[in-house]
């Protein structure tokens, strides 16, 4: 049986690992984690912790904002994190101090398979590049990103040219 505070910490740690580990500022992972929401409910029998309303999770330079985050445990192990927002937003500085941002209407992280799916006007912006589509899938085990435009949409990628050397 996991206490709600431990479940909350598991949520934050998974979101931190998933959002953009490759570009994350490593010193952020040694900083305290702060979580706030208008309301929190824990259903021990179902193994589900839900944070509602103005959910904000921060650690170092990383900030995640959502309307709702649900964490599901299976056999007292993290199984899934689902979130929704209008939109869910995240940002974090990379090691160079550059801001990496993203947003989507919904997020679904499967801790068992290691897949993160951003859906609904999903955008990932990194220094010198931006990816937009209806659905972005990140497979953490394979370190692969794929994007789909949806029924009527297209995938949009913008890559900035290298800076001119002086």
Protein backbone atom coordinates (compact mmCIF):
# COMPACT_ATOMS: atom_id res chain seq x y z
CA UNK A 1 0.00 0.00 0.00
CA UNK A 2 1.46 3.35 -1.06
CA UNK A 3 0.64 6.57 0.72
CA UNK A 4 -0.81 9.39 -1.40
CA UNK A 5 2.38 11.44 -0.96
CA UNK A 6 4.49 8.59 -2.34
CA UNK A 7 2.11 8.14 -5.26
CA UNK A 8 2.36 11.86 -5.96
CA UNK A 9 6.16 11.64 -5.94
CA UNK A 10 6.04 8.67 -8.34
CA UNK A 11 3.89 10.74 -10.67
CA UNK A 12 6.27 13.64 -10.65
CA UNK A 13 9.32 11.47 -11.15
CA UNK A 14 7.76 9.69 -14.12
CA UNK A 15 6.68 12.93 -15.72
CA UNK A 16 10.16 14.33 -15.22
CA UNK A 17 11.75 11.29 -16.82
CA UNK A 18 9.34 11.20 -19.71
CA UNK A 19 8.91 14.83 -20.66
CA UNK A 20 12.37 15.33 -22.08
CA UNK A 21 15.12 13.43 -20.34
CA UNK A 22 17.59 13.77 -23.18
CA UNK A 23 17.41 17.55 -23.09
CA UNK A 24 16.73 18.01 -19.39
CA UNK A 25 19.00 19.93 -17.10
CA UNK A 26 20.46 17.13 -15.01
CA UNK A 27 20.77 19.31 -11.89
CA UNK A 28 16.96 19.58 -11.85
CA UNK A 29 16.73 15.96 -10.71
CA UNK A 30 18.49 16.83 -7.43
CA UNK A 31 16.07 19.67 -6.63
CA UNK A 32 13.00 19.39 -4.39
CA UNK A 33 9.72 18.52 -6.12
CA UNK A 34 6.74 20.80 -5.48
CA UNK A 35 3.20 19.71 -6.35
CA UNK A 36 0.08 21.82 -5.96
CA UNK A 37 -3.53 21.39 -7.08
CA UNK A 38 -6.97 22.60 -6.09
CA UNK A 39 -7.90 19.07 -5.01
CA UNK A 40 -6.42 15.60 -4.64
CA UNK A 41 -8.17 12.25 -4.29
CA UNK A 42 -6.64 8.85 -3.62
CA UNK A 43 -8.62 5.65 -4.16
CA UNK A 44 -6.51 3.03 -2.41
CA UNK A 45 -8.69 0.13 -3.53
CA UNK A 46 -8.42 1.11 -7.23
CA UNK A 47 -4.83 2.28 -6.89
CA UNK A 48 -5.58 5.68 -8.45
CA UNK A 49 -4.38 9.13 -7.32
CA UNK A 50 -6.07 12.06 -9.08
CA UNK A 51 -5.02 15.70 -8.88
CA UNK A 52 -7.64 18.24 -10.03
CA UNK A 53 -7.63 21.91 -10.93
CA UNK A 54 -4.62 24.11 -11.59
CA UNK A 55 -2.22 21.20 -11.16
CA UNK A 56 1.36 22.44 -11.09
CA UNK A 57 4.42 20.27 -10.68
CA UNK A 58 7.87 21.85 -10.51
CA UNK A 59 11.42 20.70 -9.92
CA UNK A 60 14.32 23.02 -10.66
CA UNK A 61 13.70 24.60 -14.07
CA UNK A 62 10.99 22.05 -14.97
CA UNK A 63 7.34 23.11 -14.70
CA UNK A 64 4.26 21.06 -15.71
CA UNK A 65 0.77 22.60 -15.65
CA UNK A 66 -2.44 20.63 -16.19
CA UNK A 67 -6.13 20.65 -15.33
CA UNK A 68 -6.09 17.02 -14.19
CA UNK A 69 -3.49 14.29 -13.62
CA UNK A 70 -4.39 10.66 -12.77
CA UNK A 71 -1.83 8.11 -11.61
CA UNK A 72 -2.68 4.40 -11.73
CA UNK A 73 -0.85 1.72 -9.75
CA UNK A 74 -0.91 -1.98 -10.54
CA UNK A 75 0.37 -4.31 -7.80
CA UNK A 76 1.69 -1.21 -5.98
CA UNK A 77 3.82 -0.30 -9.01
CA UNK A 78 3.35 2.70 -11.25
CA UNK A 79 1.35 1.59 -14.28
CA UNK A 80 -0.03 4.67 -16.02
CA UNK A 81 -0.18 8.45 -15.86
CA UNK A 82 -2.95 10.26 -17.69
CA UNK A 83 -3.42 13.98 -17.84
CA UNK A 84 -5.65 16.52 -19.50
CA UNK A 85 -5.59 20.24 -19.81
CA UNK A 86 -6.52 23.15 -21.92
CA UNK A 87 -3.74 22.49 -22.76
CA UNK A 88 -1.24 20.64 -20.57
CA UNK A 89 1.97 22.67 -20.68
CA UNK A 90 5.51 21.80 -19.75
CA UNK A 91 8.81 23.59 -19.90
CA UNK A 92 12.38 22.94 -18.82
CA UNK A 93 15.80 24.33 -19.51
CA UNK A 94 18.36 22.09 -21.16
CA UNK A 95 22.00 21.99 -20.07
CA UNK A 96 22.78 25.00 -22.30
CA UNK A 97 20.13 27.06 -20.49
CA UNK A 98 17.80 26.98 -23.52
CA UNK A 99 14.09 26.51 -22.94
CA UNK A 100 12.35 23.32 -24.14
CA UNK A 101 8.54 23.61 -24.15
CA UNK A 102 5.58 21.49 -25.08
CA UNK A 103 1.85 21.29 -24.87
CA UNK A 104 -1.05 18.99 -25.72
CA UNK A 105 -4.68 18.51 -24.76
CA UNK A 106 -3.94 15.10 -23.25
CA UNK A 107 -0.98 13.03 -22.11
CA UNK A 108 -0.87 9.26 -21.58
CA UNK A 109 2.24 7.59 -20.17
CA UNK A 110 2.35 3.80 -19.98
CA UNK A 111 5.05 2.99 -17.42
CA UNK A 112 5.05 -0.68 -18.37
CA UNK A 113 5.79 -0.16 -22.07
CA UNK A 114 7.64 3.14 -21.61
CA UNK A 115 5.51 5.00 -24.16
CA UNK A 116 4.37 8.60 -23.88
CA UNK A 117 1.54 9.82 -26.12
CA UNK A 118 0.68 13.51 -26.50
CA UNK A 119 -2.66 14.08 -28.26
CA UNK A 120 -4.71 17.05 -29.33
CA UNK A 121 -2.78 19.93 -30.87
CA UNK A 122 0.50 18.50 -29.62
CA UNK A 123 3.60 20.67 -29.89
CA UNK A 124 7.19 20.06 -28.85
CA UNK A 125 9.57 23.01 -29.20
CA UNK A 126 13.32 22.63 -28.67
CA UNK A 127 16.10 25.02 -29.53
CA UNK A 128 16.09 25.52 -33.29
CA UNK A 129 13.24 23.08 -33.99
CA UNK A 130 9.51 22.63 -33.47
CA UNK A 131 7.26 19.60 -34.04
CA UNK A 132 3.47 19.99 -34.27
CA UNK A 133 0.85 17.34 -34.94
CA UNK A 134 -2.36 15.90 -33.62
CA UNK A 135 -0.47 13.04 -31.96
CA UNK A 136 3.17 12.69 -30.87
CA UNK A 137 4.41 9.33 -29.56
CA UNK A 138 7.70 8.93 -27.68
CA UNK A 139 8.99 5.41 -27.10
CA UNK A 140 11.48 5.74 -24.26
CA UNK A 141 12.83 2.20 -24.63
CA UNK A 142 13.68 2.74 -28.31
CA UNK A 143 14.36 6.49 -27.98
CA UNK A 144 12.10 7.14 -30.99
CA UNK A 145 9.59 9.90 -31.67
CA UNK A 146 6.78 9.58 -34.20
CA UNK A 147 4.06 12.04 -35.13
CA UNK A 148 0.69 11.70 -36.84
CA UNK A 149 -1.41 14.47 -38.32
CA UNK A 150 -4.77 12.89 -37.52
CA UNK A 151 -7.79 12.62 -39.86
CA UNK A 152 -7.45 15.98 -41.58
CA UNK A 153 -4.16 17.25 -40.26
CA UNK A 154 -0.54 17.06 -41.16
CA UNK A 155 2.69 16.87 -39.24
CA UNK A 156 4.55 20.17 -39.18
CA UNK A 157 8.28 20.40 -38.47
CA UNK A 158 10.32 23.58 -38.47
CA UNK A 159 14.11 23.39 -38.25
CA UNK A 160 16.11 26.57 -37.93
CA UNK A 161 19.32 26.88 -39.93
CA UNK A 162 22.62 26.94 -38.03
CA UNK A 163 23.67 30.31 -36.70
CA UNK A 164 26.03 32.24 -38.96
CA UNK A 165 29.60 32.13 -37.68
CA UNK A 166 31.32 35.47 -37.27
